[in-house]
Amino acid sequence: MADKILIVDEVAAMRRSVRSLLGQLGLNNVEESNSGASALEKLRSSSYDLIIANHKMESMTGLQLFAKVRADEKQRGTSFILMMGVKNPDVIAAAKEAGVEAFLVKPFKSNDIKSEMNKLGL
């Protein structure tokens, strides 16, 4: 089970929604970041069991964040779910090639998060 989760999305309403869905699963140790850069700052001082990050963000995509997490020896084992607004086969293919194993397409429900977490062994 994921004890500590980081949600990364530029849209505050989306972060709140994901936090609420995680709460429905009994997962309440959740932190939020509004950008890939702020997520990396948090990752420098803390570790997480799971990162749920939106793909389409201005300064750094979710896939770019994933690559930076995997490049960091301390964080490379962190589970990662990539969120996207539209199921984009090109993005999914690139993400899978990079090593992303779990995806959420908005809108989604708590059972969708649970399903993706199960794929990751959480």
C-alpha atoms as a PDB file:
ATOM      1  CA  MET A   1       0.000   0.000   0.000  1.00  0.00           C
ATOM      2  CA  ALA A   2       1.156   3.520  -0.680  1.00  0.00           C
ATOM      3  CA  ASP A   3       1.795   5.236   2.651  1.00  0.00           C
ATOM      4  CA  LYS A   4       2.785   8.631   1.248  1.00  0.00           C
ATOM      5  CA  ILE A   5       1.489  10.043  -2.041  1.00  0.00           C
ATOM      6  CA  LEU A   6       2.369  13.156  -4.049  1.00  0.00           C
ATOM      7  CA  ILE A   7      -0.174  14.603  -6.493  1.00  0.00           C
ATOM      8  CA  VAL A   8       1.278  16.861  -9.205  1.00  0.00           C
ATOM      9  CA  ASP A   9      -1.060  18.997 -11.308  1.00  0.00           C
ATOM     10  CA  GLU A  10      -1.209  22.688 -12.147  1.00  0.00           C
ATOM     11  CA  VAL A  11      -4.969  22.779 -11.556  1.00  0.00           C
ATOM     12  CA  ALA A  12      -5.846  23.046  -7.868  1.00  0.00           C
ATOM     13  CA  ALA A  13      -9.349  21.609  -8.421  1.00  0.00           C
ATOM     14  CA  MET A  14      -7.841  18.494  -9.994  1.00  0.00           C
ATOM     15  CA  ARG A  15      -5.416  18.034  -7.101  1.00  0.00           C
ATOM     16  CA  ARG A  16      -8.338  18.346  -4.655  1.00  0.00           C
ATOM     17  CA  SER A  17     -10.370  15.841  -6.674  1.00  0.00           C
ATOM     18  CA  VAL A  18      -7.564  13.274  -6.715  1.00  0.00           C
ATOM     19  CA  ARG A  19      -6.969  13.831  -2.990  1.00  0.00           C
ATOM     20  CA  SER A  20     -10.680  13.197  -2.338  1.00  0.00           C
ATOM     21  CA  LEU A  21     -10.648  10.009  -4.421  1.00  0.00           C
ATOM     22  CA  LEU A  22      -7.574   8.788  -2.543  1.00  0.00           C
ATOM     23  CA  GLY A  23      -9.378   9.541   0.709  1.00  0.00           C
ATOM     24  CA  GLN A  24     -12.214   7.259  -0.411  1.00  0.00           C
ATOM     25  CA  LEU A  25      -9.568   4.517  -0.584  1.00  0.00           C
ATOM     26  CA  GLY A  26      -8.400   5.309   2.952  1.00  0.00           C
ATOM     27  CA  LEU A  27      -5.237   7.001   1.680  1.00  0.00           C
ATOM     28  CA  ASN A  28      -4.875  10.280   3.527  1.00  0.00           C
ATOM     29  CA  ASN A  29      -1.123  10.902   3.743  1.00  0.00           C
ATOM     30  CA  VAL A  30      -1.183  12.998   0.582  1.00  0.00           C
ATOM     31  CA  GLU A  31       0.794  16.063  -0.451  1.00  0.00           C
ATOM     32  CA  GLU A  32       0.323  18.282  -3.488  1.00  0.00           C
ATOM     33  CA  SER A  33       2.550  20.143  -5.937  1.00  0.00           C
ATOM     34  CA  ASN A  34       1.395  22.589  -8.586  1.00  0.00           C
ATOM     35  CA  SER A  35       4.274  21.920 -11.003  1.00  0.00           C
ATOM     36  CA  GLY A  36       7.001  19.474 -11.856  1.00  0.00           C
ATOM     37  CA  ALA A  37       9.582  21.881 -10.426  1.00  0.00           C
ATOM     38  CA  SER A  38       7.795  22.122  -7.072  1.00  0.00           C
ATOM     39  CA  ALA A  39       7.432  18.325  -7.046  1.00  0.00           C
ATOM     40  CA  LEU A  40      11.191  17.963  -7.512  1.00  0.00           C
ATOM     41  CA  GLU A  41      11.731  20.364  -4.592  1.00  0.00           C
ATOM     42  CA  LYS A  42       9.521  18.180  -2.391  1.00  0.00           C
ATOM     43  CA  LEU A  43      11.341  15.060  -3.572  1.00  0.00           C
ATOM     44  CA  ARG A  44      14.676  16.547  -2.461  1.00  0.00           C
ATOM     45  CA  SER A  45      13.507  16.674   1.147  1.00  0.00           C
ATOM     46  CA  SER A  46      11.052  13.801   1.362  1.00  0.00           C
ATOM     47  CA  SER A  47      10.311  10.456  -0.208  1.00  0.00           C
ATOM     48  CA  TYR A  48       6.995   9.148  -1.504  1.00  0.00           C
ATOM     49  CA  ASP A  49       5.610   5.718  -2.249  1.00  0.00           C
ATOM     50  CA  LEU A  50       3.570   7.000  -5.189  1.00  0.00           C
ATOM     51  CA  ILE A  51       3.522  10.029  -7.455  1.00  0.00           C
ATOM     52  CA  ILE A  52       0.363  10.762  -9.441  1.00  0.00           C
ATOM     53  CA  ALA A  53       1.248  13.421 -12.017  1.00  0.00           C
ATOM     54  CA  ASN A  54      -0.634  15.099 -14.814  1.00  0.00           C
ATOM     55  CA  HIS A  55       1.055  14.746 -18.179  1.00  0.00           C
ATOM     56  CA  LYS A  56       0.136  18.111 -19.653  1.00  0.00           C
ATOM     57  CA  MET A  57       1.738  20.811 -17.541  1.00  0.00           C
ATOM     58  CA  GLU A  58       3.346  24.024 -18.811  1.00  0.00           C
ATOM     59  CA  SER A  59       6.871  24.057 -17.436  1.00  0.00           C
ATOM     60  CA  MET A  60       7.495  20.304 -17.248  1.00  0.00           C
ATOM     61  CA  THR A  61       5.320  17.478 -18.534  1.00  0.00           C
ATOM     62  CA  GLY A  62       4.476  14.523 -16.364  1.00  0.00           C
ATOM     63  CA  LEU A  63       6.672  12.390 -18.590  1.00  0.00           C
ATOM     64  CA  GLN A  64       9.602  14.778 -18.086  1.00  0.00           C
ATOM     65  CA  LEU A  65       8.999  14.612 -14.330  1.00  0.00           C
ATOM     66  CA  PHE A  66       8.972  10.811 -14.531  1.00  0.00           C
ATOM     67  CA  ALA A  67      12.353  10.868 -16.310  1.00  0.00           C
ATOM     68  CA  LYS A  68      13.844  13.126 -13.623  1.00  0.00           C
ATOM     69  CA  VAL A  69      12.491  10.905 -10.852  1.00  0.00           C
ATOM     70  CA  ARG A  70      13.960   7.807 -12.511  1.00  0.00           C
ATOM     71  CA  ALA A  71      17.309   9.574 -12.980  1.00  0.00           C
ATOM     72  CA  ASP A  72      17.531  10.306  -9.234  1.00  0.00           C
ATOM     73  CA  GLU A  73      19.097   7.356  -7.433  1.00  0.00           C
ATOM     74  CA  LYS A  74      17.172   8.158  -4.224  1.00  0.00           C
ATOM     75  CA  GLN A  75      13.759   8.332  -5.953  1.00  0.00           C
ATOM     76  CA  ARG A  76      14.043   5.944  -8.888  1.00  0.00           C
ATOM     77  CA  GLY A  77      11.998   3.231  -7.187  1.00  0.00           C
ATOM     78  CA  THR A  78       9.027   5.526  -6.558  1.00  0.00           C
ATOM     79  CA  SER A  79       5.822   4.257  -8.157  1.00  0.00           C
ATOM     80  CA  PHE A  80       4.354   6.627 -10.737  1.00  0.00           C
ATOM     81  CA  ILE A  81       0.925   7.066 -12.315  1.00  0.00           C
ATOM     82  CA  LEU A  82       0.593   9.408 -15.291  1.00  0.00           C
ATOM     83  CA  MET A  83      -2.726  11.272 -15.632  1.00  0.00           C
ATOM     84  CA  MET A  84      -3.993  12.702 -18.896  1.00  0.00           C
ATOM     85  CA  GLY A  85      -7.082  14.539 -20.061  1.00  0.00           C
ATOM     86  CA  VAL A  86      -7.434  12.521 -23.260  1.00  0.00           C
ATOM     87  CA  LYS A  87      -6.272   9.017 -24.047  1.00  0.00           C
ATOM     88  CA  ASN A  88      -3.432   9.832 -26.429  1.00  0.00           C
ATOM     89  CA  PRO A  89      -1.865   6.680 -27.939  1.00  0.00           C
ATOM     90  CA  ASP A  90       1.350   8.534 -28.852  1.00  0.00           C
ATOM     91  CA  VAL A  91       1.847   9.811 -25.304  1.00  0.00           C
ATOM     92  CA  ILE A  92       1.018   6.410 -23.839  1.00  0.00           C
ATOM     93  CA  ALA A  93       3.470   4.676 -26.198  1.00  0.00           C
ATOM     94  CA  ALA A  94       6.245   7.157 -25.344  1.00  0.00           C
ATOM     95  CA  ALA A  95       5.486   6.836 -21.643  1.00  0.00           C
ATOM     96  CA  LYS A  96       5.520   3.032 -21.776  1.00  0.00           C
ATOM     97  CA  GLU A  97       8.813   3.131 -23.652  1.00  0.00           C
ATOM     98  CA  ALA A  98      10.210   5.356 -20.887  1.00  0.00           C
ATOM     99  CA  GLY A  99       8.994   2.903 -18.250  1.00  0.00           C
ATOM    100  CA  VAL A 100       5.641   4.292 -17.065  1.00  0.00           C
ATOM    101  CA  GLU A 101       3.372   1.367 -16.198  1.00  0.00           C
ATOM    102  CA  ALA A 102       0.190   3.025 -14.933  1.00  0.00           C
ATOM    103  CA  PHE A 103      -2.146   5.602 -16.472  1.00  0.00           C
ATOM    104  CA  LEU A 104      -5.334   7.449 -15.569  1.00  0.00           C
ATOM    105  CA  VAL A 105      -7.512   9.188 -18.155  1.00  0.00           C
ATOM    106  CA  LYS A 106      -9.681  11.996 -16.772  1.00  0.00           C
ATOM    107  CA  PRO A 107     -12.327  11.786 -15.539  1.00  0.00           C
ATOM    108  CA  PHE A 108     -11.642   8.777 -13.343  1.00  0.00           C
ATOM    109  CA  LYS A 109     -12.965   7.283 -10.122  1.00  0.00           C
ATOM    110  CA  SER A 110     -11.369   5.896  -6.986  1.00  0.00           C
ATOM    111  CA  ASN A 111     -11.642   2.328  -8.293  1.00  0.00           C
ATOM    112  CA  ASP A 112      -9.618   3.385 -11.369  1.00  0.00           C
ATOM    113  CA  ILE A 113      -6.853   4.666  -9.083  1.00  0.00           C
ATOM    114  CA  LYS A 114      -6.995   1.431  -7.091  1.00  0.00           C
ATOM    115  CA  SER A 115      -6.755  -0.630 -10.283  1.00  0.00           C
ATOM    116  CA  GLU A 116      -3.656   1.265 -11.430  1.00  0.00           C
ATOM    117  CA  MET A 117      -2.114   1.001  -7.967  1.00  0.00           C
ATOM    118  CA  ASN A 118      -2.690  -2.762  -8.069  1.00  0.00           C
ATOM    119  CA  LYS A 119      -0.763  -2.903 -11.359  1.00  0.00           C
ATOM    120  CA  LEU A 120       2.137  -1.306  -9.501  1.00  0.00           C
ATOM    121  CA  GLY A 121       1.904  -3.747  -6.609  1.00  0.00           C
ATOM    122  CA  LEU A 122       0.620  -1.140  -4.165  1.00  0.00           C
END
